[in-house]
Amino acid sequence: MYTDFFKTFTDQTEKTLEPYVKFNKLMAKNVEVLTELQLNAMRTYSEMGLTQMKAASEVKDVTSLTAFSGQQLNVLSKLSQQMMDDSNKLQSIAKEFKDDIEQITTENLKTVTPA
């Protein structure tokens, strides 16, 4: 008798908490992906900045200044492209998260709403 009661209680609790578990797993995955994106972006931008600082420290005369200035357009182009790529990745992550949340919500509504 008690075994059936505890089994029923356990099954109902698992069924009730299932949407929360799915949501928490989705949140953890999303935070992990966002953190990785931010760390990669920070690494890339830091490397770009350090490279430019090293290049600027090599300027010793008008010729090296001219060469350094000529490279700046290329560097700004790379920076702009990197920022666009990071923005696109972030939009993709946000869209995937939104779609996953909608899927979880739809599944949860199907279990709650009678057909």
PDB file of N, CA and C in Angstrom:
ATOM      1  N   MET A   1       0.815  -1.187   0.000  1.00  0.00           N
ATOM      2  CA  MET A   1       0.000   0.000   0.000  1.00  0.00           C
ATOM      3  C   MET A   1       0.868   1.263   0.000  1.00  0.00           C
ATOM      4  N   TYR A   2       1.832   1.333   0.943  1.00  0.00           N
ATOM      5  CA  TYR A   2       2.699   2.502   1.006  1.00  0.00           C
ATOM      6  C   TYR A   2       3.616   2.578  -0.209  1.00  0.00           C
ATOM      7  N   THR A   3       3.995   1.441  -0.726  1.00  0.00           N
ATOM      8  CA  THR A   3       4.863   1.417  -1.909  1.00  0.00           C
ATOM      9  C   THR A   3       4.156   2.057  -3.093  1.00  0.00           C
ATOM     10  N   ASP A   4       2.892   1.714  -3.285  1.00  0.00           N
ATOM     11  CA  ASP A   4       2.117   2.308  -4.377  1.00  0.00           C
ATOM     12  C   ASP A   4       1.942   3.818  -4.165  1.00  0.00           C
ATOM     13  N   PHE A   5       1.705   4.201  -2.933  1.00  0.00           N
ATOM     14  CA  PHE A   5       1.545   5.620  -2.631  1.00  0.00           C
ATOM     15  C   PHE A   5       2.818   6.401  -2.968  1.00  0.00           C
ATOM     16  N   PHE A   6       3.982   5.883  -2.529  1.00  0.00           N
ATOM     17  CA  PHE A   6       5.243   6.577  -2.785  1.00  0.00           C
ATOM     18  C   PHE A   6       5.600   6.568  -4.269  1.00  0.00           C
ATOM     19  N   LYS A   7       5.281   5.496  -4.962  1.00  0.00           N
ATOM     20  CA  LYS A   7       5.540   5.444  -6.395  1.00  0.00           C
ATOM     21  C   LYS A   7       4.686   6.469  -7.124  1.00  0.00           C
ATOM     22  N   THR A   8       3.427   6.557  -6.758  1.00  0.00           N
ATOM     23  CA  THR A   8       2.521   7.535  -7.371  1.00  0.00           C
ATOM     24  C   THR A   8       2.993   8.959  -7.054  1.00  0.00           C
ATOM     25  N   PHE A   9       3.364   9.178  -5.813  1.00  0.00           N
ATOM     26  CA  PHE A   9       3.853  10.494  -5.404  1.00  0.00           C
ATOM     27  C   PHE A   9       5.120  10.869  -6.178  1.00  0.00           C
ATOM     28  N   THR A  10       6.031   9.942  -6.300  1.00  0.00           N
ATOM     29  CA  THR A  10       7.284  10.180  -7.027  1.00  0.00           C
ATOM     30  C   THR A  10       7.010  10.461  -8.500  1.00  0.00           C
ATOM     31  N   ASP A  11       6.144   9.678  -9.106  1.00  0.00           N
ATOM     32  CA  ASP A  11       5.807   9.895 -10.519  1.00  0.00           C
ATOM     33  C   ASP A  11       5.163  11.256 -10.741  1.00  0.00           C
ATOM     34  N   GLN A  12       4.241  11.629  -9.867  1.00  0.00           N
ATOM     35  CA  GLN A  12       3.582  12.927 -10.004  1.00  0.00           C
ATOM     36  C   GLN A  12       4.572  14.081  -9.796  1.00  0.00           C
ATOM     37  N   THR A  13       5.472  13.912  -8.851  1.00  0.00           N
ATOM     38  CA  THR A  13       6.467  14.957  -8.593  1.00  0.00           C
ATOM     39  C   THR A  13       7.397  15.116  -9.790  1.00  0.00           C
ATOM     40  N   GLU A  14       7.858  14.005 -10.351  1.00  0.00           N
ATOM     41  CA  GLU A  14       8.723  14.072 -11.533  1.00  0.00           C
ATOM     42  C   GLU A  14       8.008  14.743 -12.701  1.00  0.00           C
ATOM     43  N   LYS A  15       6.740  14.385 -12.887  1.00  0.00           N
ATOM     44  CA  LYS A  15       5.961  14.968 -13.984  1.00  0.00           C
ATOM     45  C   LYS A  15       5.756  16.467 -13.765  1.00  0.00           C
ATOM     46  N   THR A  16       5.528  16.858 -12.517  1.00  0.00           N
ATOM     47  CA  THR A  16       5.319  18.269 -12.200  1.00  0.00           C
ATOM     48  C   THR A  16       6.599  19.078 -12.380  1.00  0.00           C
ATOM     49  N   LEU A  17       7.721  18.519 -11.989  1.00  0.00           N
ATOM     50  CA  LEU A  17       8.991  19.246 -12.045  1.00  0.00           C
ATOM     51  C   LEU A  17       9.700  19.147 -13.394  1.00  0.00           C
ATOM     52  N   GLU A  18       9.221  18.310 -14.290  1.00  0.00           N
ATOM     53  CA  GLU A  18       9.879  18.115 -15.586  1.00  0.00           C
ATOM     54  C   GLU A  18      10.072  19.419 -16.368  1.00  0.00           C
ATOM     55  N   PRO A  19       9.066  20.307 -16.475  1.00  0.00           N
ATOM     56  CA  PRO A  19       9.299  21.571 -17.201  1.00  0.00           C
ATOM     57  C   PRO A  19      10.389  22.433 -16.560  1.00  0.00           C
ATOM     58  N   TYR A  20      10.441  22.432 -15.230  1.00  0.00           N
ATOM     59  CA  TYR A  20      11.471  23.215 -14.541  1.00  0.00           C
ATOM     60  C   TYR A  20      12.864  22.647 -14.817  1.00  0.00           C
ATOM     61  N   VAL A  21      12.965  21.336 -14.837  1.00  0.00           N
ATOM     62  CA  VAL A  21      14.250  20.692 -15.121  1.00  0.00           C
ATOM     63  C   VAL A  21      14.698  21.023 -16.540  1.00  0.00           C
ATOM     64  N   LYS A  22      13.773  20.937 -17.496  1.00  0.00           N
ATOM     65  CA  LYS A  22      14.107  21.271 -18.884  1.00  0.00           C
ATOM     66  C   LYS A  22      14.541  22.728 -18.997  1.00  0.00           C
ATOM     67  N   PHE A  23      13.814  23.617 -18.336  1.00  0.00           N
ATOM     68  CA  PHE A  23      14.141  25.042 -18.384  1.00  0.00           C
ATOM     69  C   PHE A  23      15.515  25.299 -17.769  1.00  0.00           C
ATOM     70  N   ASN A  24      15.799  24.680 -16.628  1.00  0.00           N
ATOM     71  CA  ASN A  24      17.092  24.871 -15.975  1.00  0.00           C
ATOM     72  C   ASN A  24      18.239  24.350 -16.837  1.00  0.00           C
ATOM     73  N   LYS A  25      18.041  23.219 -17.493  1.00  0.00           N
ATOM     74  CA  LYS A  25      19.078  22.687 -18.386  1.00  0.00           C
ATOM     75  C   LYS A  25      19.297  23.629 -19.567  1.00  0.00           C
ATOM     76  N   LEU A  26      18.213  24.158 -20.096  1.00  0.00           N
ATOM     77  CA  LEU A  26      18.313  25.099 -21.216  1.00  0.00           C
ATOM     78  C   LEU A  26      19.045  26.369 -20.789  1.00  0.00           C
ATOM     79  N   MET A  27      18.728  26.878 -19.610  1.00  0.00           N
ATOM     80  CA  MET A  27      19.405  28.074 -19.102  1.00  0.00           C
ATOM     81  C   MET A  27      20.894  27.812 -18.904  1.00  0.00           C
ATOM     82  N   ALA A  28      21.227  26.671 -18.328  1.00  0.00           N
ATOM     83  CA  ALA A  28      22.635  26.346 -18.100  1.00  0.00           C
ATOM     84  C   ALA A  28      23.391  26.244 -19.421  1.00  0.00           C
ATOM     85  N   LYS A  29      22.771  25.605 -20.409  1.00  0.00           N
ATOM     86  CA  LYS A  29      23.399  25.487 -21.732  1.00  0.00           C
ATOM     87  C   LYS A  29      23.587  26.856 -22.359  1.00  0.00           C
ATOM     88  N   ASN A  30      22.574  27.721 -22.244  1.00  0.00           N
ATOM     89  CA  ASN A  30      22.641  29.055 -22.834  1.00  0.00           C
ATOM     90  C   ASN A  30      23.721  29.901 -22.164  1.00  0.00           C
ATOM     91  N   VAL A  31      23.814  29.834 -20.851  1.00  0.00           N
ATOM     92  CA  VAL A  31      24.852  30.580 -20.134  1.00  0.00           C
ATOM     93  C   VAL A  31      26.232  30.078 -20.545  1.00  0.00           C
ATOM     94  N   GLU A  32      26.366  28.770 -20.695  1.00  0.00           N
ATOM     95  CA  GLU A  32      27.647  28.197 -21.110  1.00  0.00           C
ATOM     96  C   GLU A  32      28.051  28.693 -22.503  1.00  0.00           C
ATOM     97  N   VAL A  33      27.120  28.682 -23.436  1.00  0.00           N
ATOM     98  CA  VAL A  33      27.403  29.127 -24.807  1.00  0.00           C
ATOM     99  C   VAL A  33      27.738  30.616 -24.834  1.00  0.00           C
ATOM    100  N   LEU A  34      26.972  31.413 -24.092  1.00  0.00           N
ATOM    101  CA  LEU A  34      27.230  32.855 -24.043  1.00  0.00           C
ATOM    102  C   LEU A  34      28.586  33.162 -23.408  1.00  0.00           C
ATOM    103  N   THR A  35      28.916  32.444 -22.359  1.00  0.00           N
ATOM    104  CA  THR A  35      30.209  32.646 -21.702  1.00  0.00           C
ATOM    105  C   THR A  35      31.352  32.306 -22.646  1.00  0.00           C
ATOM    106  N   GLU A  36      31.210  31.204 -23.365  1.00  0.00           N
ATOM    107  CA  GLU A  36      32.242  30.822 -24.325  1.00  0.00           C
ATOM    108  C   GLU A  36      32.380  31.878 -25.425  1.00  0.00           C
ATOM    109  N   LEU A  37      31.254  32.390 -25.918  1.00  0.00           N
ATOM    110  CA  LEU A  37      31.291  33.439 -26.938  1.00  0.00           C
ATOM    111  C   LEU A  37      31.996  34.687 -26.409  1.00  0.00           C
ATOM    112  N   GLN A  38      31.669  35.080 -25.198  1.00  0.00           N
ATOM    113  CA  GLN A  38      32.283  36.270 -24.621  1.00  0.00           C
ATOM    114  C   GLN A  38      33.778  36.081 -24.373  1.00  0.00           C
ATOM    115  N   LEU A  39      34.164  34.913 -23.900  1.00  0.00           N
ATOM    116  CA  LEU A  39      35.585  34.653 -23.672  1.00  0.00           C
ATOM    117  C   LEU A  39      36.367  34.668 -24.987  1.00  0.00           C
ATOM    118  N   ASN A  40      35.797  34.059 -26.019  1.00  0.00           N
ATOM    119  CA  ASN A  40      36.463  34.069 -27.324  1.00  0.00           C
ATOM    120  C   ASN A  40      36.561  35.488 -27.881  1.00  0.00           C
ATOM    121  N   ALA A  41      35.504  36.263 -27.726  1.00  0.00           N
ATOM    122  CA  ALA A  41      35.523  37.644 -28.208  1.00  0.00           C
ATOM    123  C   ALA A  41      36.563  38.455 -27.440  1.00  0.00           C
ATOM    124  N   MET A  42      36.603  38.281 -26.132  1.00  0.00           N
ATOM    125  CA  MET A  42      37.575  39.010 -25.313  1.00  0.00           C
ATOM    126  C   MET A  42      39.006  38.653 -25.719  1.00  0.00           C
ATOM    127  N   ARG A  43      39.232  37.371 -25.956  1.00  0.00           N
ATOM    128  CA  ARG A  43      40.560  36.926 -26.373  1.00  0.00           C
ATOM    129  C   ARG A  43      40.937  37.549 -27.717  1.00  0.00           C
ATOM    130  N   THR A  44      40.021  37.514 -28.660  1.00  0.00           N
ATOM    131  CA  THR A  44      40.288  38.051 -29.999  1.00  0.00           C
ATOM    132  C   THR A  44      40.545  39.546 -29.953  1.00  0.00           C
ATOM    133  N   TYR A  45      39.693  40.282 -29.247  1.00  0.00           N
ATOM    134  CA  TYR A  45      39.862  41.744 -29.178  1.00  0.00           C
ATOM    135  C   TYR A  45      41.134  42.115 -28.417  1.00  0.00           C
ATOM    136  N   SER A  46      41.460  41.362 -27.386  1.00  0.00           N
ATOM    137  CA  SER A  46      42.688  41.624 -26.640  1.00  0.00           C
ATOM    138  C   SER A  46      43.915  41.403 -27.522  1.00  0.00           C
ATOM    139  N   GLU A  47      43.904  40.305 -28.279  1.00  0.00           N
ATOM    140  CA  GLU A  47      45.023  40.029 -29.181  1.00  0.00           C
ATOM    141  C   GLU A  47      45.164  41.118 -30.238  1.00  0.00           C
ATOM    142  N   MET A  48      44.038  41.579 -30.764  1.00  0.00           N
ATOM    143  CA  MET A  48      44.085  42.662 -31.751  1.00  0.00           C
ATOM    144  C   MET A  48      44.671  43.931 -31.136  1.00  0.00           C
ATOM    145  N   GLY A  49      44.219  44.263 -29.941  1.00  0.00           N
ATOM    146  CA  GLY A  49      44.709  45.456 -29.263  1.00  0.00           C
ATOM    147  C   GLY A  49      46.191  45.376 -28.946  1.00  0.00           C
ATOM    148  N   LEU A  50      46.633  44.231 -28.451  1.00  0.00           N
ATOM    149  CA  LEU A  50      48.051  44.059 -28.135  1.00  0.00           C
ATOM    150  C   LEU A  50      48.914  44.130 -29.388  1.00  0.00           C
ATOM    151  N   THR A  51      48.421  43.538 -30.455  1.00  0.00           N
ATOM    152  CA  THR A  51      49.159  43.596 -31.726  1.00  0.00           C
ATOM    153  C   THR A  51      49.307  45.042 -32.177  1.00  0.00           C
ATOM    154  N   GLN A  52      48.249  45.826 -32.029  1.00  0.00           N
ATOM    155  CA  GLN A  52      48.317  47.233 -32.428  1.00  0.00           C
ATOM    156  C   GLN A  52      49.245  48.036 -31.510  1.00  0.00           C
ATOM    157  N   MET A  53      49.234  47.717 -30.237  1.00  0.00           N
ATOM    158  CA  MET A  53      50.147  48.411 -29.318  1.00  0.00           C
ATOM    159  C   MET A  53      51.600  48.094 -29.658  1.00  0.00           C
ATOM    160  N   LYS A  54      51.870  46.836 -29.980  1.00  0.00           N
ATOM    161  CA  LYS A  54      53.234  46.456 -30.365  1.00  0.00           C
ATOM    162  C   LYS A  54      53.636  47.149 -31.659  1.00  0.00           C
ATOM    163  N   ALA A  55      52.700  47.201 -32.613  1.00  0.00           N
ATOM    164  CA  ALA A  55      52.993  47.860 -33.884  1.00  0.00           C
ATOM    165  C   ALA A  55      53.233  49.355 -33.661  1.00  0.00           C
ATOM    166  N   ALA A  56      52.455  49.969 -32.791  1.00  0.00           N
ATOM    167  CA  ALA A  56      52.629  51.394 -32.517  1.00  0.00           C
ATOM    168  C   ALA A  56      53.964  51.660 -31.818  1.00  0.00           C
ATOM    169  N   SER A  57      54.395  50.725 -30.986  1.00  0.00           N
ATOM    170  CA  SER A  57      55.675  50.918 -30.292  1.00  0.00           C
ATOM    171  C   SER A  57      56.867  50.779 -31.234  1.00  0.00           C
ATOM    172  N   GLU A  58      56.641  50.195 -32.404  1.00  0.00           N
ATOM    173  CA  GLU A  58      57.707  50.045 -33.392  1.00  0.00           C
ATOM    174  C   GLU A  58      57.875  51.293 -34.268  1.00  0.00           C
ATOM    175  N   VAL A  59      56.984  52.266 -34.127  1.00  0.00           N
ATOM    176  CA  VAL A  59      57.081  53.497 -34.921  1.00  0.00           C
ATOM    177  C   VAL A  59      58.255  54.318 -34.398  1.00  0.00           C
ATOM    178  N   LYS A  60      59.227  54.530 -35.309  1.00  0.00           N
ATOM    179  CA  LYS A  60      60.432  55.255 -34.903  1.00  0.00           C
ATOM    180  C   LYS A  60      60.735  56.440 -35.804  1.00  0.00           C
ATOM    181  N   ASP A  61      60.172  56.422 -36.998  1.00  0.00           N
ATOM    182  CA  ASP A  61      60.422  57.510 -37.931  1.00  0.00           C
ATOM    183  C   ASP A  61      59.206  57.695 -38.835  1.00  0.00           C
ATOM    184  N   VAL A  62      59.316  58.615 -39.774  1.00  0.00           N
ATOM    185  CA  VAL A  62      58.189  58.930 -40.654  1.00  0.00           C
ATOM    186  C   VAL A  62      57.818  57.734 -41.523  1.00  0.00           C
ATOM    187  N   THR A  63      58.787  56.973 -41.971  1.00  0.00           N
ATOM    188  CA  THR A  63      58.513  55.815 -42.822  1.00  0.00           C
ATOM    189  C   THR A  63      57.721  54.751 -42.056  1.00  0.00           C
ATOM    190  N   SER A  64      58.143  54.445 -40.841  1.00  0.00           N
ATOM    191  CA  SER A  64      57.423  53.444 -40.045  1.00  0.00           C
ATOM    192  C   SER A  64      56.045  53.969 -39.630  1.00  0.00           C
ATOM    193  N   LEU A  65      55.930  55.293 -39.413  1.00  0.00           N
ATOM    194  CA  LEU A  65      54.629  55.879 -39.098  1.00  0.00           C
ATOM    195  C   LEU A  65      53.679  55.760 -40.288  1.00  0.00           C
ATOM    196  N   THR A  66      54.203  55.982 -41.484  1.00  0.00           N
ATOM    197  CA  THR A  66      53.392  55.848 -42.696  1.00  0.00           C
ATOM    198  C   THR A  66      52.923  54.404 -42.873  1.00  0.00           C
ATOM    199  N   ALA A  67      53.828  53.452 -42.647  1.00  0.00           N
ATOM    200  CA  ALA A  67      53.468  52.034 -42.761  1.00  0.00           C
ATOM    201  C   ALA A  67      52.420  51.659 -41.709  1.00  0.00           C
ATOM    202  N   PHE A  68      52.616  52.140 -40.485  1.00  0.00           N
ATOM    203  CA  PHE A  68      51.660  51.868 -39.410  1.00  0.00           C
ATOM    204  C   PHE A  68      50.288  52.444 -39.742  1.00  0.00           C
ATOM    205  N   SER A  69      50.262  53.676 -40.212  1.00  0.00           N
ATOM    206  CA  SER A  69      49.000  54.327 -40.574  1.00  0.00           C
ATOM    207  C   SER A  69      48.310  53.599 -41.722  1.00  0.00           C
ATOM    208  N   GLY A  70      49.091  53.104 -42.655  1.00  0.00           N
ATOM    209  CA  GLY A  70      48.518  52.365 -43.781  1.00  0.00           C
ATOM    210  C   GLY A  70      47.865  51.065 -43.354  1.00  0.00           C
ATOM    211  N   GLN A  71      48.379  50.458 -42.300  1.00  0.00           N
ATOM    212  CA  GLN A  71      47.831  49.184 -41.806  1.00  0.00           C
ATOM    213  C   GLN A  71      46.543  49.385 -40.998  1.00  0.00           C
ATOM    214  N   GLN A  72      46.305  50.592 -40.530  1.00  0.00           N
ATOM    215  CA  GLN A  72      45.161  50.833 -39.651  1.00  0.00           C
ATOM    216  C   GLN A  72      43.822  50.575 -40.330  1.00  0.00           C
ATOM    217  N   LEU A  73      43.717  50.886 -41.611  1.00  0.00           N
ATOM    218  CA  LEU A  73      42.470  50.622 -42.327  1.00  0.00           C
ATOM    219  C   LEU A  73      42.190  49.122 -42.374  1.00  0.00           C
ATOM    220  N   ASN A  74      43.220  48.334 -42.622  1.00  0.00           N
ATOM    221  CA  ASN A  74      43.083  46.874 -42.640  1.00  0.00           C
ATOM    222  C   ASN A  74      42.676  46.357 -41.255  1.00  0.00           C
ATOM    223  N   VAL A  75      43.291  46.900 -40.225  1.00  0.00           N
ATOM    224  CA  VAL A  75      42.972  46.480 -38.856  1.00  0.00           C
ATOM    225  C   VAL A  75      41.529  46.851 -38.506  1.00  0.00           C
ATOM    226  N   LEU A  76      41.113  48.045 -38.860  1.00  0.00           N
ATOM    227  CA  LEU A  76      39.730  48.456 -38.592  1.00  0.00           C
ATOM    228  C   LEU A  76      38.739  47.593 -39.363  1.00  0.00           C
ATOM    229  N   SER A  77      39.111  47.201 -40.556  1.00  0.00           N
ATOM    230  CA  SER A  77      38.256  46.312 -41.344  1.00  0.00           C
ATOM    231  C   SER A  77      38.125  44.947 -40.659  1.00  0.00           C
ATOM    232  N   LYS A  78      39.248  44.411 -40.162  1.00  0.00           N
ATOM    233  CA  LYS A  78      39.215  43.131 -39.443  1.00  0.00           C
ATOM    234  C   LYS A  78      38.378  43.250 -38.168  1.00  0.00           C
ATOM    235  N   LEU A  79      38.550  44.361 -37.462  1.00  0.00           N
ATOM    236  CA  LEU A  79      37.785  44.580 -36.235  1.00  0.00           C
ATOM    237  C   LEU A  79      36.293  44.660 -36.528  1.00  0.00           C
ATOM    238  N   SER A  80      35.953  45.398 -37.569  1.00  0.00           N
ATOM    239  CA  SER A  80      34.549  45.527 -37.964  1.00  0.00           C
ATOM    240  C   SER A  80      33.957  44.165 -38.338  1.00  0.00           C
ATOM    241  N   GLN A  81      34.705  43.377 -39.094  1.00  0.00           N
ATOM    242  CA  GLN A  81      34.232  42.050 -39.496  1.00  0.00           C
ATOM    243  C   GLN A  81      34.059  41.137 -38.280  1.00  0.00           C
ATOM    244  N   GLN A  82      35.007  41.201 -37.338  1.00  0.00           N
ATOM    245  CA  GLN A  82      34.922  40.387 -36.127  1.00  0.00           C
ATOM    246  C   GLN A  82      33.694  40.769 -35.303  1.00  0.00           C
ATOM    247  N   MET A  83      33.430  42.061 -35.215  1.00  0.00           N
ATOM    248  CA  MET A  83      32.258  42.517 -34.459  1.00  0.00           C
ATOM    249  C   MET A  83      30.965  42.071 -35.132  1.00  0.00           C
ATOM    250  N   MET A  84      30.929  42.103 -36.447  1.00  0.00           N
ATOM    251  CA  MET A  84      29.744  41.616 -37.170  1.00  0.00           C
ATOM    252  C   MET A  84      29.559  40.114 -36.946  1.00  0.00           C
ATOM    253  N   ASP A  85      30.646  39.360 -37.020  1.00  0.00           N
ATOM    254  CA  ASP A  85      30.568  37.912 -36.789  1.00  0.00           C
ATOM    255  C   ASP A  85      30.065  37.609 -35.375  1.00  0.00           C
ATOM    256  N   ASP A  86      30.608  38.332 -34.393  1.00  0.00           N
ATOM    257  CA  ASP A  86      30.169  38.120 -33.011  1.00  0.00           C
ATOM    258  C   ASP A  86      28.701  38.491 -32.834  1.00  0.00           C
ATOM    259  N   SER A  87      28.283  39.559 -33.480  1.00  0.00           N
ATOM    260  CA  SER A  87      26.879  39.971 -33.410  1.00  0.00           C
ATOM    261  C   SER A  87      25.972  38.909 -34.027  1.00  0.00           C
ATOM    262  N   ASN A  88      26.377  38.358 -35.160  1.00  0.00           N
ATOM    263  CA  ASN A  88      25.586  37.301 -35.808  1.00  0.00           C
ATOM    264  C   ASN A  88      25.515  36.051 -34.939  1.00  0.00           C
ATOM    265  N   LYS A  89      26.623  35.693 -34.296  1.00  0.00           N
ATOM    266  CA  LYS A  89      26.627  34.535 -33.401  1.00  0.00           C
ATOM    267  C   LYS A  89      25.678  34.766 -32.231  1.00  0.00           C
ATOM    268  N   LEU A  90      25.711  35.978 -31.679  1.00  0.00           N
ATOM    269  CA  LEU A  90      24.844  36.300 -30.550  1.00  0.00           C
ATOM    270  C   LEU A  90      23.374  36.248 -30.958  1.00  0.00           C
ATOM    271  N   GLN A  91      23.056  36.751 -32.134  1.00  0.00           N
ATOM    272  CA  GLN A  91      21.683  36.693 -32.624  1.00  0.00           C
ATOM    273  C   GLN A  91      21.236  35.250 -32.828  1.00  0.00           C
ATOM    274  N   SER A  92      22.137  34.429 -33.335  1.00  0.00           N
ATOM    275  CA  SER A  92      21.823  33.017 -33.546  1.00  0.00           C
ATOM    276  C   SER A  92      21.553  32.307 -32.214  1.00  0.00           C
ATOM    277  N   ILE A  93      22.381  32.602 -31.225  1.00  0.00           N
ATOM    278  CA  ILE A  93      22.196  32.002 -29.896  1.00  0.00           C
ATOM    279  C   ILE A  93      20.859  32.450 -29.304  1.00  0.00           C
ATOM    280  N   ALA A  94      20.546  33.723 -29.431  1.00  0.00           N
ATOM    281  CA  ALA A  94      19.288  34.247 -28.888  1.00  0.00           C
ATOM    282  C   ALA A  94      18.080  33.618 -29.587  1.00  0.00           C
ATOM    283  N   LYS A  95      18.160  33.464 -30.910  1.00  0.00           N
ATOM    284  CA  LYS A  95      17.055  32.855 -31.654  1.00  0.00           C
ATOM    285  C   LYS A  95      16.868  31.396 -31.245  1.00  0.00           C
ATOM    286  N   GLU A  96      17.972  30.663 -31.119  1.00  0.00           N
ATOM    287  CA  GLU A  96      17.891  29.259 -30.709  1.00  0.00           C
ATOM    288  C   GLU A  96      17.289  29.145 -29.312  1.00  0.00           C
ATOM    289  N   PHE A  97      17.693  30.031 -28.405  1.00  0.00           N
ATOM    290  CA  PHE A  97      17.147  30.025 -27.048  1.00  0.00           C
ATOM    291  C   PHE A  97      15.648  30.304 -27.064  1.00  0.00           C
ATOM    292  N   LYS A  98      15.244  31.301 -27.844  1.00  0.00           N
ATOM    293  CA  LYS A  98      13.815  31.644 -27.955  1.00  0.00           C
ATOM    294  C   LYS A  98      13.021  30.460 -28.501  1.00  0.00           C
ATOM    295  N   ASP A  99      13.553  29.811 -29.541  1.00  0.00           N
ATOM    296  CA  ASP A  99      12.869  28.658 -30.124  1.00  0.00           C
ATOM    297  C   ASP A  99      12.750  27.513 -29.118  1.00  0.00           C
ATOM    298  N   ASP A 100      13.811  27.275 -28.355  1.00  0.00           N
ATOM    299  CA  ASP A 100      13.776  26.210 -27.351  1.00  0.00           C
ATOM    300  C   ASP A 100      12.771  26.516 -26.243  1.00  0.00           C
ATOM    301  N   ILE A 101      12.706  27.782 -25.826  1.00  0.00           N
ATOM    302  CA  ILE A 101      11.732  28.178 -24.797  1.00  0.00           C
ATOM    303  C   ILE A 101      10.313  27.988 -25.320  1.00  0.00           C
ATOM    304  N   GLU A 102      10.088  28.380 -26.565  1.00  0.00           N
ATOM    305  CA  GLU A 102       8.755  28.199 -27.154  1.00  0.00           C
ATOM    306  C   GLU A 102       8.392  26.723 -27.239  1.00  0.00           C
ATOM    307  N   GLN A 103       9.352  25.880 -27.575  1.00  0.00           N
ATOM    308  CA  GLN A 103       9.096  24.450 -27.655  1.00  0.00           C
ATOM    309  C   GLN A 103       8.745  23.884 -26.277  1.00  0.00           C
ATOM    310  N   ILE A 104       9.489  24.273 -25.266  1.00  0.00           N
ATOM    311  CA  ILE A 104       9.199  23.806 -23.902  1.00  0.00           C
ATOM    312  C   ILE A 104       7.808  24.275 -23.469  1.00  0.00           C
ATOM    313  N   THR A 105       7.488  25.520 -23.767  1.00  0.00           N
ATOM    314  CA  THR A 105       6.180  26.068 -23.405  1.00  0.00           C
ATOM    315  C   THR A 105       5.061  25.320 -24.115  1.00  0.00           C
ATOM    316  N   THR A 106       5.254  25.065 -25.399  1.00  0.00           N
ATOM    317  CA  THR A 106       4.240  24.338 -26.171  1.00  0.00           C
ATOM    318  C   THR A 106       4.037  22.933 -25.619  1.00  0.00           C
ATOM    319  N   GLU A 107       5.139  22.247 -25.321  1.00  0.00           N
ATOM    320  CA  GLU A 107       5.033  20.889 -24.763  1.00  0.00           C
ATOM    321  C   GLU A 107       4.314  20.914 -23.424  1.00  0.00           C
ATOM    322  N   ASN A 108       4.640  21.908 -22.606  1.00  0.00           N
ATOM    323  CA  ASN A 108       4.012  22.008 -21.287  1.00  0.00           C
ATOM    324  C   ASN A 108       2.524  22.310 -21.411  1.00  0.00           C
ATOM    325  N   LEU A 109       2.149  23.165 -22.358  1.00  0.00           N
ATOM    326  CA  LEU A 109       0.738  23.484 -22.539  1.00  0.00           C
ATOM    327  C   LEU A 109      -0.042  22.268 -23.042  1.00  0.00           C
ATOM    328  N   LYS A 110       0.604  21.451 -23.865  1.00  0.00           N
ATOM    329  CA  LYS A 110      -0.079  20.240 -24.367  1.00  0.00           C
ATOM    330  C   LYS A 110      -0.377  19.280 -23.233  1.00  0.00           C
ATOM    331  N   THR A 111       0.516  19.191 -22.262  1.00  0.00           N
ATOM    332  CA  THR A 111       0.275  18.267 -21.161  1.00  0.00           C
ATOM    333  C   THR A 111      -0.765  18.792 -20.184  1.00  0.00           C
ATOM    334  N   VAL A 112      -0.893  20.130 -20.115  1.00  0.00           N
ATOM    335  CA  VAL A 112      -1.838  20.732 -19.171  1.00  0.00           C
ATOM    336  C   VAL A 112      -3.223  20.888 -19.778  1.00  0.00           C
ATOM    337  N   THR A 113      -3.267  21.272 -21.071  1.00  0.00           N
ATOM    338  CA  THR A 113      -4.535  21.544 -21.726  1.00  0.00           C
ATOM    339  C   THR A 113      -5.149  20.250 -22.267  1.00  0.00           C
ATOM    340  N   PRO A 114      -6.409  19.994 -21.935  1.00  0.00           N
ATOM    341  CA  PRO A 114      -7.059  18.796 -22.492  1.00  0.00           C
ATOM    342  C   PRO A 114      -7.287  18.967 -24.007  1.00  0.00           C
ATOM    343  N   ALA A 115      -7.163  17.874 -24.723  1.00  0.00           N
ATOM    344  CA  ALA A 115      -7.312  17.917 -26.181  1.00  0.00           C
ATOM    345  C   ALA A 115      -8.756  18.030 -26.615  1.00  0.00           C
TER     346      ALA A 115
END
